[in-house]
């Protein structure tokens, strides 16, 4: 029984380490999103850190339109990054979870 618990704890610790490694790797996974007319482009990591924003000069004359473009494009990019992030981290967590009866939250 004690050996089972120690083995399970080791497996959980190993999974936590893999999750941290995956988070670091996701810092190098870049998500690009453009507005439908390509006037704004944003780049962020799969950990949702913005690394670049490019704005076409034509948008600089209309502050409200620029703000709308930024909000829409950033929200789409964040959604994509979140999907990649959750899929990657979920796969690591599911793979590493010990098989405990009644604990099927990652299945």
PDB file of N, CA and C in Angstrom:
ATOM      1  N   UNK A   1       0.826  -1.201   0.000  1.00  0.00           N
ATOM      2  CA  UNK A   1       0.000   0.000   0.000  1.00  0.00           C
ATOM      3  C   UNK A   1       0.867   1.261   0.000  1.00  0.00           C
ATOM      4  N   UNK A   2       1.868   1.309   0.911  1.00  0.00           N
ATOM      5  CA  UNK A   2       2.748   2.473   1.004  1.00  0.00           C
ATOM      6  C   UNK A   2       3.525   2.669  -0.292  1.00  0.00           C
ATOM      7  N   UNK A   3       3.972   1.531  -0.858  1.00  0.00           N
ATOM      8  CA  UNK A   3       4.706   1.592  -2.133  1.00  0.00           C
ATOM      9  C   UNK A   3       3.843   2.154  -3.242  1.00  0.00           C
ATOM     10  N   UNK A   4       2.569   1.781  -3.244  1.00  0.00           N
ATOM     11  CA  UNK A   4       1.636   2.304  -4.247  1.00  0.00           C
ATOM     12  C   UNK A   4       1.500   3.818  -4.125  1.00  0.00           C
ATOM     13  N   UNK A   5       1.394   4.299  -2.883  1.00  0.00           N
ATOM     14  CA  UNK A   5       1.246   5.734  -2.650  1.00  0.00           C
ATOM     15  C   UNK A   5       2.507   6.467  -3.084  1.00  0.00           C
ATOM     16  N   UNK A   6       3.671   5.911  -2.742  1.00  0.00           N
ATOM     17  CA  UNK A   6       4.936   6.548  -3.117  1.00  0.00           C
ATOM     18  C   UNK A   6       5.078   6.573  -4.649  1.00  0.00           C
ATOM     19  N   UNK A   7       4.695   5.483  -5.281  1.00  0.00           N
ATOM     20  CA  UNK A   7       4.757   5.425  -6.746  1.00  0.00           C
ATOM     21  C   UNK A   7       3.832   6.450  -7.374  1.00  0.00           C
ATOM     22  N   UNK A   8       2.644   6.591  -6.789  1.00  0.00           N
ATOM     23  CA  UNK A   8       1.666   7.545  -7.285  1.00  0.00           C
ATOM     24  C   UNK A   8       2.182   8.975  -7.093  1.00  0.00           C
ATOM     25  N   UNK A   9       2.792   9.241  -5.939  1.00  0.00           N
ATOM     26  CA  UNK A   9       3.331  10.578  -5.679  1.00  0.00           C
ATOM     27  C   UNK A   9       4.457  10.898  -6.660  1.00  0.00           C
ATOM     28  N   UNK A  10       5.288   9.906  -6.948  1.00  0.00           N
ATOM     29  CA  UNK A  10       6.362  10.096  -7.917  1.00  0.00           C
ATOM     30  C   UNK A  10       5.809  10.411  -9.290  1.00  0.00           C
ATOM     31  N   UNK A  11       4.739   9.707  -9.649  1.00  0.00           N
ATOM     32  CA  UNK A  11       4.099   9.928 -10.953  1.00  0.00           C
ATOM     33  C   UNK A  11       3.514  11.346 -11.015  1.00  0.00           C
ATOM     34  N   UNK A  12       2.891  11.800  -9.943  1.00  0.00           N
ATOM     35  CA  UNK A  12       2.313  13.148  -9.913  1.00  0.00           C
ATOM     36  C   UNK A  12       3.419  14.192 -10.029  1.00  0.00           C
ATOM     37  N   UNK A  13       4.520  13.983  -9.315  1.00  0.00           N
ATOM     38  CA  UNK A  13       5.646  14.925  -9.370  1.00  0.00           C
ATOM     39  C   UNK A  13       6.225  14.970 -10.794  1.00  0.00           C
ATOM     40  N   UNK A  14       6.339  13.800 -11.414  1.00  0.00           N
ATOM     41  CA  UNK A  14       6.838  13.716 -12.797  1.00  0.00           C
ATOM     42  C   UNK A  14       5.897  14.466 -13.743  1.00  0.00           C
ATOM     43  N   UNK A  15       4.601  14.320 -13.527  1.00  0.00           N
ATOM     44  CA  UNK A  15       3.612  15.008 -14.363  1.00  0.00           C
ATOM     45  C   UNK A  15       3.709  16.515 -14.178  1.00  0.00           C
ATOM     46  N   UNK A  16       3.882  16.962 -12.932  1.00  0.00           N
ATOM     47  CA  UNK A  16       4.034  18.399 -12.681  1.00  0.00           C
ATOM     48  C   UNK A  16       5.250  18.949 -13.422  1.00  0.00           C
ATOM     49  N   UNK A  17       6.331  18.170 -13.437  1.00  0.00           N
ATOM     50  CA  UNK A  17       7.544  18.594 -14.133  1.00  0.00           C
ATOM     51  C   UNK A  17       7.269  18.688 -15.639  1.00  0.00           C
ATOM     52  N   UNK A  18       6.543  17.711 -16.178  1.00  0.00           N
ATOM     53  CA  UNK A  18       6.211  17.733 -17.607  1.00  0.00           C
ATOM     54  C   UNK A  18       5.319  18.924 -17.943  1.00  0.00           C
ATOM     55  N   UNK A  19       4.395  19.257 -17.035  1.00  0.00           N
ATOM     56  CA  UNK A  19       3.518  20.414 -17.244  1.00  0.00           C
ATOM     57  C   UNK A  19       4.363  21.688 -17.302  1.00  0.00           C
ATOM     58  N   UNK A  20       5.324  21.828 -16.391  1.00  0.00           N
ATOM     59  CA  UNK A  20       6.192  23.015 -16.389  1.00  0.00           C
ATOM     60  C   UNK A  20       7.019  23.082 -17.674  1.00  0.00           C
ATOM     61  N   UNK A  21       7.539  21.935 -18.116  1.00  0.00           N
ATOM     62  CA  UNK A  21       8.316  21.893 -19.363  1.00  0.00           C
ATOM     63  C   UNK A  21       7.434  22.283 -20.548  1.00  0.00           C
ATOM     64  N   UNK A  22       6.188  21.824 -20.539  1.00  0.00           N
ATOM     65  CA  UNK A  22       5.263  22.149 -21.621  1.00  0.00           C
ATOM     66  C   UNK A  22       4.953  23.640 -21.616  1.00  0.00           C
ATOM     67  N   UNK A  23       4.755  24.218 -20.431  1.00  0.00           N
ATOM     68  CA  UNK A  23       4.496  25.665 -20.343  1.00  0.00           C
ATOM     69  C   UNK A  23       5.660  26.457 -20.925  1.00  0.00           C
ATOM     70  N   UNK A  24       6.889  26.040 -20.614  1.00  0.00           N
ATOM     71  CA  UNK A  24       8.067  26.728 -21.165  1.00  0.00           C
ATOM     72  C   UNK A  24       8.095  26.602 -22.684  1.00  0.00           C
ATOM     73  N   UNK A  25       7.786  25.396 -23.178  1.00  0.00           N
ATOM     74  CA  UNK A  25       7.792  25.177 -24.630  1.00  0.00           C
ATOM     75  C   UNK A  25       6.727  26.034 -25.308  1.00  0.00           C
ATOM     76  N   UNK A  26       5.592  26.215 -24.657  1.00  0.00           N
ATOM     77  CA  UNK A  26       4.506  27.011 -25.237  1.00  0.00           C
ATOM     78  C   UNK A  26       4.868  28.486 -25.367  1.00  0.00           C
ATOM     79  N   UNK A  27       5.909  28.918 -24.638  1.00  0.00           N
ATOM     80  CA  UNK A  27       6.409  30.288 -24.821  1.00  0.00           C
ATOM     81  C   UNK A  27       7.009  30.487 -26.207  1.00  0.00           C
ATOM     82  N   UNK A  28       7.423  29.393 -26.850  1.00  0.00           N
ATOM     83  CA  UNK A  28       8.029  29.508 -28.179  1.00  0.00           C
ATOM     84  C   UNK A  28       7.045  29.163 -29.301  1.00  0.00           C
ATOM     85  N   UNK A  29       5.819  28.776 -28.935  1.00  0.00           N
ATOM     86  CA  UNK A  29       4.787  28.496 -29.946  1.00  0.00           C
ATOM     87  C   UNK A  29       4.058  29.807 -30.225  1.00  0.00           C
ATOM     88  N   UNK A  30       4.182  30.305 -31.458  1.00  0.00           N
ATOM     89  CA  UNK A  30       3.606  31.601 -31.802  1.00  0.00           C
ATOM     90  C   UNK A  30       2.287  31.451 -32.546  1.00  0.00           C
ATOM     91  N   UNK A  31       1.330  32.270 -32.179  1.00  0.00           N
ATOM     92  CA  UNK A  31       0.011  32.311 -32.807  1.00  0.00           C
ATOM     93  C   UNK A  31      -0.098  33.655 -33.520  1.00  0.00           C
ATOM     94  N   UNK A  32      -0.355  33.622 -34.816  1.00  0.00           N
ATOM     95  CA  UNK A  32      -0.565  34.849 -35.592  1.00  0.00           C
ATOM     96  C   UNK A  32      -2.041  34.992 -35.900  1.00  0.00           C
ATOM     97  N   UNK A  33      -2.540  36.184 -35.784  1.00  0.00           N
ATOM     98  CA  UNK A  33      -3.945  36.473 -36.132  1.00  0.00           C
ATOM     99  C   UNK A  33      -3.973  37.802 -36.856  1.00  0.00           C
ATOM    100  N   UNK A  34      -4.744  37.825 -37.952  1.00  0.00           N
ATOM    101  CA  UNK A  34      -4.898  39.053 -38.740  1.00  0.00           C
ATOM    102  C   UNK A  34      -6.366  39.426 -38.802  1.00  0.00           C
ATOM    103  N   UNK A  35      -6.615  40.712 -38.963  1.00  0.00           N
ATOM    104  CA  UNK A  35      -7.989  41.141 -39.220  1.00  0.00           C
ATOM    105  C   UNK A  35      -8.354  40.640 -40.619  1.00  0.00           C
ATOM    106  N   UNK A  36      -9.629  40.584 -40.913  1.00  0.00           N
ATOM    107  CA  UNK A  36     -10.075  40.023 -42.194  1.00  0.00           C
ATOM    108  C   UNK A  36      -9.499  40.763 -43.400  1.00  0.00           C
ATOM    109  N   UNK A  37      -9.196  42.051 -43.239  1.00  0.00           N
ATOM    110  CA  UNK A  37      -8.626  42.831 -44.347  1.00  0.00           C
ATOM    111  C   UNK A  37      -7.113  43.038 -44.198  1.00  0.00           C
ATOM    112  N   UNK A  38      -6.511  42.317 -43.253  1.00  0.00           N
ATOM    113  CA  UNK A  38      -5.057  42.355 -43.018  1.00  0.00           C
ATOM    114  C   UNK A  38      -4.523  43.711 -42.559  1.00  0.00           C
ATOM    115  N   UNK A  39      -5.367  44.579 -42.019  1.00  0.00           N
ATOM    116  CA  UNK A  39      -4.900  45.890 -41.569  1.00  0.00           C
ATOM    117  C   UNK A  39      -4.233  45.824 -40.191  1.00  0.00           C
ATOM    118  N   UNK A  40      -4.549  44.787 -39.439  1.00  0.00           N
ATOM    119  CA  UNK A  40      -3.915  44.571 -38.131  1.00  0.00           C
ATOM    120  C   UNK A  40      -3.473  43.123 -38.059  1.00  0.00           C
ATOM    121  N   UNK A  41      -2.277  42.931 -37.524  1.00  0.00           N
ATOM    122  CA  UNK A  41      -1.784  41.580 -37.272  1.00  0.00           C
ATOM    123  C   UNK A  41      -1.195  41.549 -35.871  1.00  0.00           C
ATOM    124  N   UNK A  42      -1.569  40.527 -35.109  1.00  0.00           N
ATOM    125  CA  UNK A  42      -1.009  40.354 -33.772  1.00  0.00           C
ATOM    126  C   UNK A  42      -0.357  38.975 -33.683  1.00  0.00           C
ATOM    127  N   UNK A  43       0.678  38.911 -32.883  1.00  0.00           N
ATOM    128  CA  UNK A  43       1.351  37.645 -32.622  1.00  0.00           C
ATOM    129  C   UNK A  43       1.450  37.487 -31.120  1.00  0.00           C
ATOM    130  N   UNK A  44       1.112  36.300 -30.627  1.00  0.00           N
ATOM    131  CA  UNK A  44       1.279  36.014 -29.222  1.00  0.00           C
ATOM    132  C   UNK A  44       1.715  34.582 -29.043  1.00  0.00           C
ATOM    133  N   UNK A  45       2.251  34.282 -27.869  1.00  0.00           N
ATOM    134  CA  UNK A  45       2.669  32.918 -27.591  1.00  0.00           C
ATOM    135  C   UNK A  45       1.449  32.090 -27.200  1.00  0.00           C
ATOM    136  N   UNK A  46       1.624  30.776 -27.183  1.00  0.00           N
ATOM    137  CA  UNK A  46       0.534  29.903 -26.740  1.00  0.00           C
ATOM    138  C   UNK A  46       0.261  30.079 -25.244  1.00  0.00           C
ATOM    139  N   UNK A  47       1.144  30.780 -24.545  1.00  0.00           N
ATOM    140  CA  UNK A  47       0.893  31.151 -23.151  1.00  0.00           C
ATOM    141  C   UNK A  47       0.227  32.517 -23.043  1.00  0.00           C
ATOM    142  N   UNK A  48      -0.236  33.032 -24.184  1.00  0.00           N
ATOM    143  CA  UNK A  48      -1.031  34.265 -24.275  1.00  0.00           C
ATOM    144  C   UNK A  48      -0.255  35.527 -23.915  1.00  0.00           C
ATOM    145  N   UNK A  49       1.016  35.568 -24.268  1.00  0.00           N
ATOM    146  CA  UNK A  49       1.816  36.781 -24.101  1.00  0.00           C
ATOM    147  C   UNK A  49       1.975  37.427 -25.477  1.00  0.00           C
ATOM    148  N   UNK A  50       1.543  38.675 -25.600  1.00  0.00           N
ATOM    149  CA  UNK A  50       1.618  39.382 -26.886  1.00  0.00           C
ATOM    150  C   UNK A  50       3.079  39.694 -27.186  1.00  0.00           C
ATOM    151  N   UNK A  51       3.516  39.334 -28.402  1.00  0.00           N
ATOM    152  CA  UNK A  51       4.905  39.585 -28.790  1.00  0.00           C
ATOM    153  C   UNK A  51       5.016  40.628 -29.900  1.00  0.00           C
ATOM    154  N   UNK A  52       3.923  40.847 -30.643  1.00  0.00           N
ATOM    155  CA  UNK A  52       3.994  41.812 -31.740  1.00  0.00           C
ATOM    156  C   UNK A  52       2.593  42.275 -32.131  1.00  0.00           C
ATOM    157  N   UNK A  53       2.489  43.546 -32.478  1.00  0.00           N
ATOM    158  CA  UNK A  53       1.265  44.103 -33.058  1.00  0.00           C
ATOM    159  C   UNK A  53       1.693  44.975 -34.235  1.00  0.00           C
ATOM    160  N   UNK A  54       1.119  44.704 -35.413  1.00  0.00           N
ATOM    161  CA  UNK A  54       1.375  45.530 -36.603  1.00  0.00           C
ATOM    162  C   UNK A  54       0.067  46.197 -37.006  1.00  0.00           C
ATOM    163  N   UNK A  55       0.116  47.511 -37.197  1.00  0.00           N
ATOM    164  CA  UNK A  55      -1.079  48.285 -37.524  1.00  0.00           C
ATOM    165  C   UNK A  55      -0.831  49.038 -38.821  1.00  0.00           C
ATOM    166  N   UNK A  56      -1.711  48.857 -39.777  1.00  0.00           N
ATOM    167  CA  UNK A  56      -1.618  49.587 -41.034  1.00  0.00           C
ATOM    168  C   UNK A  56      -1.844  51.082 -40.764  1.00  0.00           C
ATOM    169  N   UNK A  57      -1.076  51.922 -41.443  1.00  0.00           N
ATOM    170  CA  UNK A  57      -1.172  53.376 -41.235  1.00  0.00           C
ATOM    171  C   UNK A  57      -2.580  53.920 -41.472  1.00  0.00           C
ATOM    172  N   UNK A  58      -3.356  53.266 -42.332  1.00  0.00           N
ATOM    173  CA  UNK A  58      -4.690  53.775 -42.641  1.00  0.00           C
ATOM    174  C   UNK A  58      -5.611  53.765 -41.421  1.00  0.00           C
ATOM    175  N   UNK A  59      -5.308  52.930 -40.435  1.00  0.00           N
ATOM    176  CA  UNK A  59      -6.146  52.866 -39.233  1.00  0.00           C
ATOM    177  C   UNK A  59      -5.802  53.954 -38.213  1.00  0.00           C
ATOM    178  N   UNK A  60      -4.678  54.617 -38.390  1.00  0.00           N
ATOM    179  CA  UNK A  60      -4.243  55.600 -37.408  1.00  0.00           C
ATOM    180  C   UNK A  60      -5.108  56.860 -37.387  1.00  0.00           C
ATOM    181  N   UNK A  61      -5.851  57.086 -38.435  1.00  0.00           N
ATOM    182  CA  UNK A  61      -6.683  58.288 -38.507  1.00  0.00           C
ATOM    183  C   UNK A  61      -8.000  58.143 -37.738  1.00  0.00           C
ATOM    184  N   UNK A  62      -8.409  56.912 -37.447  1.00  0.00           N
ATOM    185  CA  UNK A  62      -9.701  56.678 -36.801  1.00  0.00           C
ATOM    186  C   UNK A  62      -9.493  55.872 -35.520  1.00  0.00           C
ATOM    187  N   UNK A  63      -9.409  56.569 -34.406  1.00  0.00           N
ATOM    188  CA  UNK A  63      -9.114  55.938 -33.118  1.00  0.00           C
ATOM    189  C   UNK A  63     -10.128  54.854 -32.747  1.00  0.00           C
ATOM    190  N   UNK A  64     -11.423  55.141 -32.911  1.00  0.00           N
ATOM    191  CA  UNK A  64     -12.451  54.160 -32.554  1.00  0.00           C
ATOM    192  C   UNK A  64     -12.343  52.896 -33.389  1.00  0.00           C
ATOM    193  N   UNK A  65     -12.137  53.061 -34.679  1.00  0.00           N
ATOM    194  CA  UNK A  65     -12.013  51.904 -35.555  1.00  0.00           C
ATOM    195  C   UNK A  65     -10.771  51.093 -35.171  1.00  0.00           C
ATOM    196  N   UNK A  66      -9.675  51.768 -34.885  1.00  0.00           N
ATOM    197  CA  UNK A  66      -8.447  51.096 -34.471  1.00  0.00           C
ATOM    198  C   UNK A  66      -8.680  50.287 -33.195  1.00  0.00           C
ATOM    199  N   UNK A  67      -9.360  50.878 -32.239  1.00  0.00           N
ATOM    200  CA  UNK A  67      -9.649  50.171 -30.991  1.00  0.00           C
ATOM    201  C   UNK A  67     -10.498  48.933 -31.247  1.00  0.00           C
ATOM    202  N   UNK A  68     -11.517  49.062 -32.105  1.00  0.00           N
ATOM    203  CA  UNK A  68     -12.362  47.914 -32.445  1.00  0.00           C
ATOM    204  C   UNK A  68     -11.546  46.805 -33.106  1.00  0.00           C
ATOM    205  N   UNK A  69     -10.701  47.187 -34.047  1.00  0.00           N
ATOM    206  CA  UNK A  69      -9.838  46.218 -34.724  1.00  0.00           C
ATOM    207  C   UNK A  69      -8.955  45.482 -33.713  1.00  0.00           C
ATOM    208  N   UNK A  70      -8.334  46.246 -32.823  1.00  0.00           N
ATOM    209  CA  UNK A  70      -7.450  45.636 -31.830  1.00  0.00           C
ATOM    210  C   UNK A  70      -8.203  44.660 -30.932  1.00  0.00           C
ATOM    211  N   UNK A  71      -9.351  45.080 -30.440  1.00  0.00           N
ATOM    212  CA  UNK A  71     -10.140  44.219 -29.557  1.00  0.00           C
ATOM    213  C   UNK A  71     -10.516  42.927 -30.274  1.00  0.00           C
ATOM    214  N   UNK A  72     -11.063  43.029 -31.471  1.00  0.00           N
ATOM    215  CA  UNK A  72     -11.504  41.844 -32.202  1.00  0.00           C
ATOM    216  C   UNK A  72     -10.344  40.911 -32.543  1.00  0.00           C
ATOM    217  N   UNK A  73      -9.261  41.475 -33.042  1.00  0.00           N
ATOM    218  CA  UNK A  73      -8.127  40.655 -33.468  1.00  0.00           C
ATOM    219  C   UNK A  73      -7.428  40.025 -32.263  1.00  0.00           C
ATOM    220  N   UNK A  74      -7.250  40.786 -31.201  1.00  0.00           N
ATOM    221  CA  UNK A  74      -6.626  40.228 -29.993  1.00  0.00           C
ATOM    222  C   UNK A  74      -7.493  39.132 -29.381  1.00  0.00           C
ATOM    223  N   UNK A  75      -8.797  39.333 -29.337  1.00  0.00           N
ATOM    224  CA  UNK A  75      -9.673  38.303 -28.775  1.00  0.00           C
ATOM    225  C   UNK A  75      -9.598  37.008 -29.578  1.00  0.00           C
ATOM    226  N   UNK A  76      -9.570  37.111 -30.905  1.00  0.00           N
ATOM    227  CA  UNK A  76      -9.445  35.905 -31.734  1.00  0.00           C
ATOM    228  C   UNK A  76      -8.108  35.215 -31.489  1.00  0.00           C
ATOM    229  N   UNK A  77      -7.043  35.994 -31.388  1.00  0.00           N
ATOM    230  CA  UNK A  77      -5.714  35.427 -31.154  1.00  0.00           C
ATOM    231  C   UNK A  77      -5.639  34.760 -29.780  1.00  0.00           C
ATOM    232  N   UNK A  78      -6.205  35.407 -28.766  1.00  0.00           N
ATOM    233  CA  UNK A  78      -6.195  34.844 -27.409  1.00  0.00           C
ATOM    234  C   UNK A  78      -6.986  33.536 -27.375  1.00  0.00           C
ATOM    235  N   UNK A  79      -8.105  33.495 -28.084  1.00  0.00           N
ATOM    236  CA  UNK A  79      -8.900  32.269 -28.134  1.00  0.00           C
ATOM    237  C   UNK A  79      -8.105  31.128 -28.768  1.00  0.00           C
ATOM    238  N   UNK A  80      -7.425  31.408 -29.878  1.00  0.00           N
ATOM    239  CA  UNK A  80      -6.599  30.382 -30.526  1.00  0.00           C
ATOM    240  C   UNK A  80      -5.481  29.913 -29.599  1.00  0.00           C
ATOM    241  N   UNK A  81      -4.802  30.864 -28.966  1.00  0.00           N
ATOM    242  CA  UNK A  81      -3.704  30.527 -28.059  1.00  0.00           C
ATOM    243  C   UNK A  81      -4.208  29.700 -26.877  1.00  0.00           C
ATOM    244  N   UNK A  82      -5.363  30.059 -26.351  1.00  0.00           N
ATOM    245  CA  UNK A  82      -5.947  29.319 -25.231  1.00  0.00           C
ATOM    246  C   UNK A  82      -6.243  27.885 -25.644  1.00  0.00           C
ATOM    247  N   UNK A  83      -6.795  27.696 -26.837  1.00  0.00           N
ATOM    248  CA  UNK A  83      -7.093  26.347 -27.320  1.00  0.00           C
ATOM    249  C   UNK A  83      -5.830  25.502 -27.425  1.00  0.00           C
ATOM    250  N   UNK A  84      -4.760  26.075 -27.970  1.00  0.00           N
ATOM    251  CA  UNK A  84      -3.489  25.349 -28.078  1.00  0.00           C
ATOM    252  C   UNK A  84      -2.948  25.043 -26.683  1.00  0.00           C
ATOM    253  N   UNK A  85      -2.963  26.032 -25.806  1.00  0.00           N
ATOM    254  CA  UNK A  85      -2.453  25.889 -24.450  1.00  0.00           C
ATOM    255  C   UNK A  85      -3.189  24.780 -23.700  1.00  0.00           C
ATOM    256  N   UNK A  86      -4.520  24.835 -23.729  1.00  0.00           N
ATOM    257  CA  UNK A  86      -5.314  23.846 -22.988  1.00  0.00           C
ATOM    258  C   UNK A  86      -5.146  22.442 -23.561  1.00  0.00           C
ATOM    259  N   UNK A  87      -5.060  22.330 -24.882  1.00  0.00           N
ATOM    260  CA  UNK A  87      -4.883  21.020 -25.508  1.00  0.00           C
ATOM    261  C   UNK A  87      -3.540  20.414 -25.106  1.00  0.00           C
ATOM    262  N   UNK A  88      -2.493  21.213 -25.154  1.00  0.00           N
ATOM    263  CA  UNK A  88      -1.151  20.722 -24.815  1.00  0.00           C
ATOM    264  C   UNK A  88      -1.050  20.341 -23.336  1.00  0.00           C
ATOM    265  N   UNK A  89      -1.474  21.242 -22.456  1.00  0.00           N
ATOM    266  CA  UNK A  89      -1.378  20.968 -21.025  1.00  0.00           C
ATOM    267  C   UNK A  89      -2.333  19.851 -20.606  1.00  0.00           C
ATOM    268  N   UNK A  90      -3.505  19.796 -21.227  1.00  0.00           N
ATOM    269  CA  UNK A  90      -4.457  18.725 -20.923  1.00  0.00           C
ATOM    270  C   UNK A  90      -3.915  17.363 -21.303  1.00  0.00           C
ATOM    271  N   UNK A  91      -3.221  17.292 -22.442  1.00  0.00           N
ATOM    272  CA  UNK A  91      -2.647  16.020 -22.880  1.00  0.00           C
ATOM    273  C   UNK A  91      -1.573  15.548 -21.907  1.00  0.00           C
ATOM    274  N   UNK A  92      -0.737  16.462 -21.432  1.00  0.00           N
ATOM    275  CA  UNK A  92       0.317  16.108 -20.474  1.00  0.00           C
ATOM    276  C   UNK A  92      -0.300  15.646 -19.158  1.00  0.00           C
ATOM    277  N   UNK A  93      -1.295  16.372 -18.681  1.00  0.00           N
ATOM    278  CA  UNK A  93      -1.930  16.018 -17.409  1.00  0.00           C
ATOM    279  C   UNK A  93      -2.632  14.671 -17.503  1.00  0.00           C
ATOM    280  N   UNK A  94      -3.339  14.439 -18.604  1.00  0.00           N
ATOM    281  CA  UNK A  94      -4.074  13.183 -18.773  1.00  0.00           C
ATOM    282  C   UNK A  94      -3.107  12.010 -18.848  1.00  0.00           C
ATOM    283  N   UNK A  95      -2.031  12.190 -19.589  1.00  0.00           N
ATOM    284  CA  UNK A  95      -1.031  11.129 -19.770  1.00  0.00           C
ATOM    285  C   UNK A  95      -0.377  10.751 -18.442  1.00  0.00           C
ATOM    286  N   UNK A  96      -0.166  11.747 -17.582  1.00  0.00           N
ATOM    287  CA  UNK A  96       0.587  11.504 -16.365  1.00  0.00           C
ATOM    288  C   UNK A  96      -0.224  11.170 -15.141  1.00  0.00           C
ATOM    289  N   UNK A  97      -1.530  11.256 -15.223  1.00  0.00           N
ATOM    290  CA  UNK A  97      -2.337  11.003 -14.025  1.00  0.00           C
ATOM    291  C   UNK A  97      -2.380   9.517 -13.701  1.00  0.00           C
ATOM    292  N   UNK A  98      -2.134   9.176 -12.444  1.00  0.00           N
ATOM    293  CA  UNK A  98      -2.249   7.771 -12.049  1.00  0.00           C
ATOM    294  C   UNK A  98      -3.710   7.337 -12.120  1.00  0.00           C
ATOM    295  N   UNK A  99      -3.907   6.062 -12.308  1.00  0.00           N
ATOM    296  CA  UNK A  99      -5.263   5.536 -12.431  1.00  0.00           C
ATOM    297  C   UNK A  99      -5.836   5.321 -11.035  1.00  0.00           C
ATOM    298  N   UNK A 100      -6.575   6.308 -10.558  1.00  0.00           N
ATOM    299  CA  UNK A 100      -7.182   6.245  -9.226  1.00  0.00           C
ATOM    300  C   UNK A 100      -8.684   6.064  -9.419  1.00  0.00           C
ATOM    301  N   UNK A 101      -9.258   5.015  -8.854  1.00  0.00           N
ATOM    302  CA  UNK A 101     -10.695   4.808  -9.002  1.00  0.00           C
ATOM    303  C   UNK A 101     -11.480   6.037  -8.567  1.00  0.00           C
ATOM    304  N   UNK A 102     -12.419   6.452  -9.405  1.00  0.00           N
ATOM    305  CA  UNK A 102     -13.252   7.592  -9.093  1.00  0.00           C
ATOM    306  C   UNK A 102     -12.638   8.929  -9.491  1.00  0.00           C
ATOM    307  N   UNK A 103     -11.379   8.929  -9.932  1.00  0.00           N
ATOM    308  CA  UNK A 103     -10.711  10.170 -10.321  1.00  0.00           C
ATOM    309  C   UNK A 103     -10.533  10.182 -11.846  1.00  0.00           C
ATOM    310  N   UNK A 104     -11.631  10.364 -12.556  1.00  0.00           N
ATOM    311  CA  UNK A 104     -11.564  10.307 -14.016  1.00  0.00           C
ATOM    312  C   UNK A 104     -11.788  11.663 -14.641  1.00  0.00           C
ATOM    313  N   UNK A 105     -11.379  12.738 -13.944  1.00  0.00           N
ATOM    314  CA  UNK A 105     -11.637  14.090 -14.441  1.00  0.00           C
ATOM    315  C   UNK A 105     -10.838  14.432 -15.690  1.00  0.00           C
ATOM    316  N   UNK A 106      -9.756  13.692 -15.986  1.00  0.00           N
ATOM    317  CA  UNK A 106      -8.947  14.020 -17.161  1.00  0.00           C
ATOM    318  C   UNK A 106      -9.242  13.088 -18.325  1.00  0.00           C
ATOM    319  N   UNK A 107     -10.294  12.291 -18.218  1.00  0.00           N
ATOM    320  CA  UNK A 107     -10.611  11.336 -19.298  1.00  0.00           C
ATOM    321  C   UNK A 107     -11.661  11.887 -20.214  1.00  0.00           C
TER     322      UNK A 107
END
